[in-house]
Amino acid sequence: MKNQDVLIVHPQTSEQLTVIKAFLEALKIKFEFSKDESYDPDFVAKIENARQDYKNGKGKVYTSDQLNALWK
């Protein structure tokens, strides 16, 4: 097996993560957690645009009472 082989695992619960981690440690397999946060670039662009709009005065500020009134 090549040293460059990479295995990507997507556990869906913290219990699954614990079991996978214990399994790898028991077999003395080196592993690391990625620091990368993968977001859809379109989503990131929308958030950045919204932040810029708010900075440019295109946002509204509501009180909690006003927000609560919207749900009634």
Protein backbone atom coordinates (compact mmCIF):
# COMPACT_ATOMS: atom_id res chain seq x y z
CA MET A 1 0.00 0.00 0.00
CA LYS A 2 1.28 3.44 -0.90
CA ASN A 3 1.85 6.03 1.81
CA GLN A 4 -0.22 8.52 -0.18
CA ASP A 5 -3.42 6.48 0.00
CA VAL A 6 -6.14 8.51 1.69
CA LEU A 7 -9.32 7.27 3.29
CA ILE A 8 -12.19 9.71 3.80
CA VAL A 9 -14.84 8.65 6.30
CA HIS A 10 -18.11 10.46 7.01
CA PRO A 11 -19.47 9.30 10.38
CA GLN A 12 -23.01 10.46 11.02
CA THR A 13 -22.94 10.32 14.81
CA SER A 14 -20.42 10.97 17.54
CA GLU A 15 -20.69 7.27 18.48
CA GLN A 16 -19.60 6.25 14.98
CA LEU A 17 -16.67 8.65 15.17
CA THR A 18 -15.60 7.21 18.53
CA VAL A 19 -15.72 3.64 17.20
CA ILE A 20 -13.79 4.50 14.03
CA LYS A 21 -11.17 6.38 16.03
CA ALA A 22 -10.76 3.46 18.46
CA PHE A 23 -10.50 1.00 15.57
CA LEU A 24 -7.75 2.99 13.86
CA GLU A 25 -5.85 3.43 17.12
CA ALA A 26 -6.12 -0.32 17.87
CA LEU A 27 -4.58 -1.12 14.48
CA LYS A 28 -1.94 1.59 14.98
CA ILE A 29 -3.08 3.36 11.82
CA LYS A 30 -2.13 7.02 11.73
CA PHE A 31 -5.01 9.42 11.13
CA GLU A 32 -5.75 13.10 11.35
CA PHE A 33 -8.74 15.37 11.26
CA SER A 34 -9.01 17.82 8.40
CA LYS A 35 -9.26 21.47 9.29
CA ASP A 36 -10.87 22.25 5.94
CA GLU A 37 -14.42 23.46 5.98
CA SER A 38 -16.01 22.72 2.67
CA TYR A 39 -18.92 24.93 1.77
CA ASP A 40 -20.62 25.35 -1.55
CA PRO A 41 -18.90 28.34 -3.23
CA ASP A 42 -22.29 29.74 -4.32
CA PHE A 43 -23.49 29.66 -0.71
CA VAL A 44 -20.33 31.42 0.49
CA ALA A 45 -20.77 34.09 -2.20
CA LYS A 46 -24.38 34.72 -1.10
CA ILE A 47 -23.32 35.13 2.52
CA GLU A 48 -20.50 37.49 1.60
CA ASN A 49 -22.87 39.54 -0.58
CA ALA A 50 -25.38 39.75 2.27
CA ARG A 51 -22.68 40.92 4.67
CA GLN A 52 -21.55 43.57 2.20
CA ASP A 53 -25.16 44.71 1.66
CA TYR A 54 -25.59 45.07 5.43
CA LYS A 55 -22.39 47.12 5.66
CA ASN A 56 -23.75 49.33 2.87
CA GLY A 57 -26.91 50.06 4.87
CA LYS A 58 -29.22 47.65 3.07
CA GLY A 59 -30.23 45.81 6.23
CA LYS A 60 -32.95 46.22 8.81
CA VAL A 61 -32.74 45.85 12.56
CA TYR A 62 -35.71 44.41 14.42
CA THR A 63 -36.41 44.17 18.12
CA SER A 64 -37.33 40.81 19.60
CA ASP A 65 -40.91 42.06 20.06
CA GLN A 66 -41.15 42.89 16.37
CA LEU A 67 -39.81 39.46 15.43
CA ASN A 68 -42.21 37.72 17.80
CA ALA A 69 -45.11 39.64 16.25
CA LEU A 70 -44.22 38.15 12.86
CA TRP A 71 -44.98 34.64 14.15
CA LYS A 72 -48.44 35.44 15.47
